[in-house]
């Protein structure tokens, strides 16, 4: 029997989804950090502007636009040092047949990603 994705696997999947979107939007990757407890996950460059992107795999629509569950003070202070913008990228992940159910290894999945939300 297949098992549900771990938090780390869900996080990596969300990062892949956001990374593909960033690439399509023309961002250049300067650094990638897949650690669950470190922010940002992506440091990117576009039009000579540096941006930090915080990625989270979320379990419901209310967390897609809300980054209140993230401690933003350290990353905001860090961004000022580099004159970087900070974005939140929430990705709602779920089972392919019903997004409200968890993803199971080896089965189809679905997701909702509404794009980057500027924090600073």
Protein backbone atom coordinates (compact mmCIF):
# COMPACT_ATOMS: atom_id res chain seq x y z
CA UNK A 1 0.00 0.00 0.00
CA UNK A 2 1.30 3.44 -0.92
CA UNK A 3 1.92 6.01 1.76
CA UNK A 4 1.12 9.70 2.01
CA UNK A 5 3.88 12.13 1.08
CA UNK A 6 6.00 13.31 3.99
CA UNK A 7 6.22 17.03 4.83
CA UNK A 8 9.63 17.12 3.16
CA UNK A 9 8.31 15.43 -0.02
CA UNK A 10 5.34 17.83 -0.14
CA UNK A 11 7.70 20.78 0.35
CA UNK A 12 9.95 19.58 -2.49
CA UNK A 13 6.94 19.14 -4.78
CA UNK A 14 5.76 22.67 -3.97
CA UNK A 15 9.27 23.98 -4.68
CA UNK A 16 9.28 22.22 -8.06
CA UNK A 17 5.93 23.80 -8.97
CA UNK A 18 7.07 27.28 -7.93
CA UNK A 19 10.50 26.81 -9.53
CA UNK A 20 8.93 25.93 -12.88
CA UNK A 21 6.73 29.03 -12.65
CA UNK A 22 9.69 31.27 -11.80
CA UNK A 23 11.60 29.87 -14.76
CA UNK A 24 8.64 30.52 -17.10
CA UNK A 25 8.43 34.09 -15.79
CA UNK A 26 12.08 34.69 -16.71
CA UNK A 27 13.71 34.67 -13.28
CA UNK A 28 17.37 33.66 -12.98
CA UNK A 29 18.15 31.41 -10.01
CA UNK A 30 20.94 32.65 -7.75
CA UNK A 31 20.40 30.21 -4.86
CA UNK A 32 18.05 27.36 -3.93
CA UNK A 33 17.46 26.08 -0.40
CA UNK A 34 15.12 23.14 0.10
CA UNK A 35 15.40 23.09 3.92
CA UNK A 36 11.95 23.22 5.51
CA UNK A 37 13.05 25.49 8.34
CA UNK A 38 15.16 27.99 6.39
CA UNK A 39 13.94 30.98 4.41
CA UNK A 40 14.02 31.86 1.59
CA UNK A 41 13.78 28.80 -0.63
CA UNK A 42 14.72 30.74 -3.77
CA UNK A 43 16.91 33.76 -4.36
CA UNK A 44 16.16 34.96 -7.87
CA UNK A 45 17.03 37.82 -10.18
CA UNK A 46 14.88 39.51 -12.82
CA UNK A 47 15.38 42.91 -14.44
CA UNK A 48 18.41 43.48 -12.18
CA UNK A 49 16.20 43.10 -9.07
CA UNK A 50 16.92 40.48 -6.45
CA UNK A 51 13.97 38.69 -4.88
CA UNK A 52 13.58 36.17 -2.08
CA UNK A 53 10.81 33.59 -2.43
CA UNK A 54 9.38 31.74 0.56
CA UNK A 55 7.64 28.52 -0.55
CA UNK A 56 5.12 26.61 1.52
CA UNK A 57 3.10 23.49 0.75
CA UNK A 58 -0.29 24.22 2.31
CA UNK A 59 -3.28 22.06 3.10
CA UNK A 60 -6.14 24.39 2.30
CA UNK A 61 -7.21 27.44 0.32
CA UNK A 62 -7.02 29.80 3.30
CA UNK A 63 -3.22 29.46 3.38
CA UNK A 64 -2.71 30.19 -0.33
CA UNK A 65 -2.77 33.94 0.16
CA UNK A 66 -1.92 34.15 3.84
CA UNK A 67 1.60 34.04 5.11
CA UNK A 68 0.68 34.83 8.72
CA UNK A 69 1.84 31.35 9.75
CA UNK A 70 5.43 32.25 8.79
CA UNK A 71 7.81 34.23 10.97
CA UNK A 72 8.76 36.93 8.47
CA UNK A 73 10.86 39.28 10.61
CA UNK A 74 14.25 37.58 9.96
CA UNK A 75 13.77 37.36 6.20
CA UNK A 76 12.49 40.94 5.98
CA UNK A 77 15.57 42.18 7.83
CA UNK A 78 17.79 40.07 5.57
CA UNK A 79 16.07 41.44 2.46
CA UNK A 80 16.79 45.03 3.47
CA UNK A 81 20.50 44.24 3.59
CA UNK A 82 20.36 43.07 -0.06
CA UNK A 83 17.65 45.50 -1.20
CA UNK A 84 15.57 42.49 -2.22
CA UNK A 85 11.84 42.02 -2.60
CA UNK A 86 10.24 39.20 -0.61
CA UNK A 87 7.50 37.00 -2.02
CA UNK A 88 5.32 34.25 -0.55
CA UNK A 89 4.41 31.26 -2.71
CA UNK A 90 1.73 29.05 -1.17
CA UNK A 91 0.97 25.82 -3.03
CA UNK A 92 -2.13 23.86 -2.03
CA UNK A 93 -1.37 20.20 -2.67
CA UNK A 94 -3.84 17.34 -2.65
CA UNK A 95 -4.81 14.02 -4.15
CA UNK A 96 -5.60 13.94 -7.86
CA UNK A 97 -9.20 12.84 -7.38
CA UNK A 98 -9.92 15.18 -4.43
CA UNK A 99 -7.61 18.05 -3.53
CA UNK A 100 -8.89 18.01 0.06
CA UNK A 101 -7.33 14.56 0.54
CA UNK A 102 -3.58 14.01 1.03
CA UNK A 103 -1.25 13.04 -1.79
CA UNK A 104 -0.32 9.37 -1.90
CA UNK A 105 3.01 8.23 -3.33
CA UNK A 106 2.57 6.80 -6.81
CA UNK A 107 -0.87 8.33 -7.38
CA UNK A 108 -1.99 11.45 -9.25
CA UNK A 109 -1.92 14.76 -7.42
CA UNK A 110 -3.53 18.14 -7.91
CA UNK A 111 -2.46 21.60 -6.84
CA UNK A 112 -3.47 25.23 -6.74
CA UNK A 113 -0.82 27.91 -7.06
CA UNK A 114 -2.04 31.46 -7.59
CA UNK A 115 1.39 33.01 -8.08
CA UNK A 116 3.71 35.08 -5.96
CA UNK A 117 2.39 37.38 -3.26
CA UNK A 118 4.66 40.29 -2.41
CA UNK A 119 5.42 40.62 1.30
CA UNK A 120 7.92 43.47 0.91
